Amino acid sequence: MRASNILAFICGIAAGAAATAFMTSDKGDKTRAAIINLLQEKGISKDKFEDIIARVKAKINEITDMSDIEVAIDESIKEQEEEEEA
């Protein structure tokens, strides 16, 4: 999967979560539960999602060039997949 697709997917999840948060009158715990359920429906556990985001953030903090960001996203996803296979 290309890094641009992954980045678009992550941005889509973030946009959906933000839209859900702004459009709902539920309390925070209900909103968080709805977001977690959405991620689970997509086959992404909360821990896996948080781990991927943390890895990407750490790598982005180390770089400044956009091409390096794409590489960082690819590497983060590959590392996560390798850990899941082990």
N, C-alpha and C. Protein backbone atom coordinates (compact mmCIF):
# COMPACT_ATOMS: atom_id res chain seq x y z
N MET A 1 0.84 -1.17 0.00
CA MET A 1 0.00 0.00 0.00
C MET A 1 0.89 1.24 0.00
N ARG A 2 0.54 2.19 -0.82
CA ARG A 2 1.36 3.41 -0.93
C ARG A 2 1.16 4.30 0.29
N ALA A 3 2.20 5.04 0.60
CA ALA A 3 2.16 5.93 1.76
C ALA A 3 1.07 6.98 1.61
N SER A 4 0.86 7.45 0.39
CA SER A 4 -0.19 8.46 0.19
C SER A 4 -1.56 7.89 0.51
N ASN A 5 -1.78 6.61 0.20
CA ASN A 5 -3.05 5.97 0.53
C ASN A 5 -3.23 5.83 2.03
N ILE A 6 -2.15 5.46 2.70
CA ILE A 6 -2.20 5.32 4.16
C ILE A 6 -2.46 6.67 4.81
N LEU A 7 -1.75 7.69 4.34
CA LEU A 7 -1.94 9.03 4.89
C LEU A 7 -3.37 9.50 4.67
N ALA A 8 -3.92 9.23 3.47
CA ALA A 8 -5.30 9.62 3.19
C ALA A 8 -6.26 8.86 4.10
N PHE A 9 -5.97 7.58 4.34
CA PHE A 9 -6.82 6.77 5.22
C PHE A 9 -6.80 7.32 6.64
N ILE A 10 -5.60 7.63 7.13
CA ILE A 10 -5.48 8.16 8.49
C ILE A 10 -6.18 9.51 8.60
N CYS A 11 -6.01 10.35 7.58
CA CYS A 11 -6.69 11.64 7.59
C CYS A 11 -8.20 11.47 7.53
N GLY A 12 -8.66 10.47 6.78
CA GLY A 12 -10.09 10.19 6.71
C GLY A 12 -10.65 9.77 8.06
N ILE A 13 -9.92 8.92 8.75
CA ILE A 13 -10.34 8.50 10.08
C ILE A 13 -10.39 9.70 11.02
N ALA A 14 -9.35 10.53 10.96
CA ALA A 14 -9.31 11.71 11.82
C ALA A 14 -10.46 12.66 11.50
N ALA A 15 -10.73 12.87 10.22
CA ALA A 15 -11.84 13.75 9.82
C ALA A 15 -13.17 13.18 10.28
N GLY A 16 -13.34 11.88 10.13
CA GLY A 16 -14.57 11.24 10.58
C GLY A 16 -14.75 11.34 12.08
N ALA A 17 -13.67 11.14 12.79
CA ALA A 17 -13.72 11.24 14.25
C ALA A 17 -14.06 12.67 14.67
N ALA A 18 -13.44 13.64 14.00
CA ALA A 18 -13.72 15.04 14.34
C ALA A 18 -15.17 15.39 14.02
N ALA A 19 -15.64 14.95 12.87
CA ALA A 19 -17.03 15.22 12.50
C ALA A 19 -17.99 14.59 13.51
N THR A 20 -17.68 13.38 13.90
CA THR A 20 -18.51 12.70 14.90
C THR A 20 -18.52 13.48 16.21
N ALA A 21 -17.36 13.93 16.62
CA ALA A 21 -17.26 14.66 17.88
C ALA A 21 -18.04 15.97 17.85
N PHE A 22 -17.99 16.66 16.72
CA PHE A 22 -18.67 17.95 16.62
C PHE A 22 -20.18 17.81 16.41
N MET A 23 -20.59 16.74 15.78
CA MET A 23 -22.00 16.60 15.41
C MET A 23 -22.82 15.83 16.45
N THR A 24 -22.18 15.31 17.42
CA THR A 24 -22.90 14.52 18.42
C THR A 24 -23.09 15.32 19.70
N SER A 25 -24.16 15.01 20.38
CA SER A 25 -24.39 15.65 21.66
C SER A 25 -24.04 14.71 22.81
N ASP A 26 -23.50 13.55 22.45
CA ASP A 26 -23.12 12.58 23.48
C ASP A 26 -21.93 13.08 24.28
N LYS A 27 -21.78 12.48 25.44
CA LYS A 27 -20.63 12.79 26.28
C LYS A 27 -19.37 12.20 25.66
N GLY A 28 -18.23 12.65 26.15
CA GLY A 28 -16.95 12.21 25.61
C GLY A 28 -16.75 10.71 25.61
N ASP A 29 -17.16 10.03 26.67
CA ASP A 29 -16.96 8.58 26.73
C ASP A 29 -17.76 7.86 25.66
N LYS A 30 -18.95 8.34 25.36
CA LYS A 30 -19.76 7.73 24.30
C LYS A 30 -19.15 8.01 22.93
N THR A 31 -18.64 9.21 22.75
CA THR A 31 -18.01 9.57 21.48
C THR A 31 -16.76 8.72 21.26
N ARG A 32 -15.93 8.57 22.29
CA ARG A 32 -14.73 7.75 22.17
C ARG A 32 -15.10 6.30 21.86
N ALA A 33 -16.15 5.79 22.49
CA ALA A 33 -16.59 4.42 22.23
C ALA A 33 -17.04 4.27 20.78
N ALA A 34 -17.74 5.28 20.26
CA ALA A 34 -18.19 5.24 18.87
C ALA A 34 -17.00 5.23 17.91
N ILE A 35 -15.97 6.01 18.22
CA ILE A 35 -14.77 6.05 17.37
C ILE A 35 -14.07 4.70 17.42
N ILE A 36 -13.95 4.13 18.60
CA ILE A 36 -13.30 2.82 18.74
C ILE A 36 -14.08 1.76 17.97
N ASN A 37 -15.40 1.81 18.05
CA ASN A 37 -16.23 0.86 17.30
C ASN A 37 -16.02 1.01 15.80
N LEU A 38 -15.92 2.25 15.33
CA LEU A 38 -15.68 2.50 13.91
C LEU A 38 -14.35 1.90 13.47
N LEU A 39 -13.31 2.10 14.28
CA LEU A 39 -12.00 1.53 13.96
C LEU A 39 -12.07 0.01 13.93
N GLN A 40 -12.79 -0.58 14.87
CA GLN A 40 -12.91 -2.04 14.91
C GLN A 40 -13.65 -2.56 13.69
N GLU A 41 -14.67 -1.84 13.24
CA GLU A 41 -15.38 -2.24 12.03
C GLU A 41 -14.46 -2.23 10.82
N LYS A 42 -13.48 -1.33 10.83
CA LYS A 42 -12.51 -1.24 9.74
C LYS A 42 -11.38 -2.25 9.92
N GLY A 43 -11.40 -3.00 11.01
CA GLY A 43 -10.37 -4.00 11.26
C GLY A 43 -9.12 -3.45 11.91
N ILE A 44 -9.24 -2.28 12.55
CA ILE A 44 -8.09 -1.65 13.18
C ILE A 44 -8.37 -1.53 14.67
N SER A 45 -7.52 -2.17 15.47
CA SER A 45 -7.70 -2.07 16.91
C SER A 45 -7.25 -0.68 17.37
N LYS A 46 -7.78 -0.27 18.49
CA LYS A 46 -7.41 1.03 19.06
C LYS A 46 -5.91 1.09 19.32
N ASP A 47 -5.37 0.01 19.90
CA ASP A 47 -3.94 -0.02 20.20
C ASP A 47 -3.10 0.04 18.93
N LYS A 48 -3.51 -0.71 17.89
CA LYS A 48 -2.76 -0.70 16.63
C LYS A 48 -2.79 0.71 16.02
N PHE A 49 -3.95 1.34 16.03
CA PHE A 49 -4.07 2.69 15.47
C PHE A 49 -3.19 3.66 16.24
N GLU A 50 -3.25 3.61 17.55
CA GLU A 50 -2.43 4.51 18.37
C GLU A 50 -0.95 4.26 18.16
N ASP A 51 -0.57 2.99 17.99
CA ASP A 51 0.83 2.66 17.78
C ASP A 51 1.32 3.20 16.44
N ILE A 52 0.53 3.03 15.39
CA ILE A 52 0.91 3.54 14.07
C ILE A 52 1.05 5.06 14.12
N ILE A 53 0.09 5.74 14.73
CA ILE A 53 0.14 7.20 14.83
C ILE A 53 1.38 7.64 15.61
N ALA A 54 1.67 6.96 16.72
CA ALA A 54 2.85 7.32 17.52
C ALA A 54 4.13 7.13 16.73
N ARG A 55 4.21 6.05 15.98
CA ARG A 55 5.42 5.80 15.18
C ARG A 55 5.59 6.87 14.11
N VAL A 56 4.48 7.21 13.44
CA VAL A 56 4.55 8.23 12.38
C VAL A 56 4.95 9.57 12.98
N LYS A 57 4.35 9.94 14.11
CA LYS A 57 4.69 11.21 14.75
C LYS A 57 6.17 11.27 15.12
N ALA A 58 6.68 10.19 15.67
CA ALA A 58 8.08 10.17 16.07
C ALA A 58 9.00 10.34 14.87
N LYS A 59 8.67 9.68 13.78
CA LYS A 59 9.51 9.79 12.59
C LYS A 59 9.37 11.17 11.94
N ILE A 60 8.18 11.74 11.95
CA ILE A 60 7.97 13.07 11.37
C ILE A 60 8.76 14.11 12.16
N ASN A 61 8.84 13.95 13.47
CA ASN A 61 9.60 14.90 14.29
C ASN A 61 11.09 14.90 13.94
N GLU A 62 11.56 13.80 13.37
CA GLU A 62 12.97 13.68 13.03
C GLU A 62 13.31 14.24 11.65
N ILE A 63 12.30 14.52 10.84
CA ILE A 63 12.55 14.90 9.45
C ILE A 63 11.84 16.20 9.09
N THR A 64 12.23 16.75 7.96
CA THR A 64 11.59 17.98 7.50
C THR A 64 11.16 17.91 6.04
N ASP A 65 11.74 17.03 5.25
CA ASP A 65 11.44 16.92 3.83
C ASP A 65 10.20 16.04 3.62
N MET A 66 9.27 16.46 2.75
CA MET A 66 8.02 15.73 2.53
C MET A 66 8.28 14.31 2.03
N SER A 67 9.29 14.12 1.19
CA SER A 67 9.58 12.78 0.70
C SER A 67 10.01 11.88 1.86
N ASP A 68 10.68 12.46 2.84
CA ASP A 68 11.08 11.69 4.02
C ASP A 68 9.86 11.29 4.84
N ILE A 69 8.83 12.13 4.85
CA ILE A 69 7.61 11.81 5.58
C ILE A 69 6.94 10.58 4.98
N GLU A 70 6.89 10.52 3.66
CA GLU A 70 6.30 9.36 2.99
C GLU A 70 7.06 8.08 3.35
N VAL A 71 8.38 8.17 3.37
CA VAL A 71 9.21 7.02 3.75
C VAL A 71 8.93 6.64 5.21
N ALA A 72 8.80 7.62 6.08
CA ALA A 72 8.55 7.37 7.50
C ALA A 72 7.22 6.64 7.69
N ILE A 73 6.21 7.04 6.95
CA ILE A 73 4.90 6.37 7.05
C ILE A 73 5.02 4.93 6.59
N ASP A 74 5.67 4.72 5.45
CA ASP A 74 5.86 3.36 4.95
C ASP A 74 6.60 2.49 5.96
N GLU A 75 7.68 3.03 6.53
CA GLU A 75 8.47 2.28 7.50
C GLU A 75 7.66 1.95 8.76
N SER A 76 6.87 2.89 9.23
CA SER A 76 6.06 2.68 10.43
C SER A 76 5.05 1.57 10.22
N ILE A 77 4.41 1.58 9.09
CA ILE A 77 3.41 0.55 8.79
C ILE A 77 4.10 -0.81 8.64
N LYS A 78 5.23 -0.85 7.95
CA LYS A 78 5.95 -2.10 7.77
C LYS A 78 6.40 -2.67 9.12
N GLU A 79 6.92 -1.82 10.00
CA GLU A 79 7.34 -2.27 11.33
C GLU A 79 6.17 -2.86 12.10
N GLN A 80 5.02 -2.19 12.01
CA GLN A 80 3.83 -2.67 12.72
C GLN A 80 3.41 -4.03 12.18
N GLU A 81 3.41 -4.18 10.86
CA GLU A 81 3.02 -5.45 10.26
C GLU A 81 3.99 -6.57 10.63
N GLU A 82 5.29 -6.26 10.66
CA GLU A 82 6.29 -7.25 11.04
C GLU A 82 6.10 -7.70 12.48
N GLU A 83 5.78 -6.77 13.37
CA GLU A 83 5.56 -7.13 14.76
C GLU A 83 4.32 -8.00 14.91
N GLU A 84 3.30 -7.75 14.12
CA GLU A 84 2.08 -8.55 14.19
C GLU A 84 2.31 -9.96 13.68
N GLU A 85 3.21 -10.11 12.70
CA GLU A 85 3.51 -11.43 12.16
C GLU A 85 4.36 -12.25 13.12
N ALA A 86 5.14 -11.58 13.96
CA ALA A 86 6.05 -12.29 14.87
C ALA A 86 5.32 -12.92 16.03
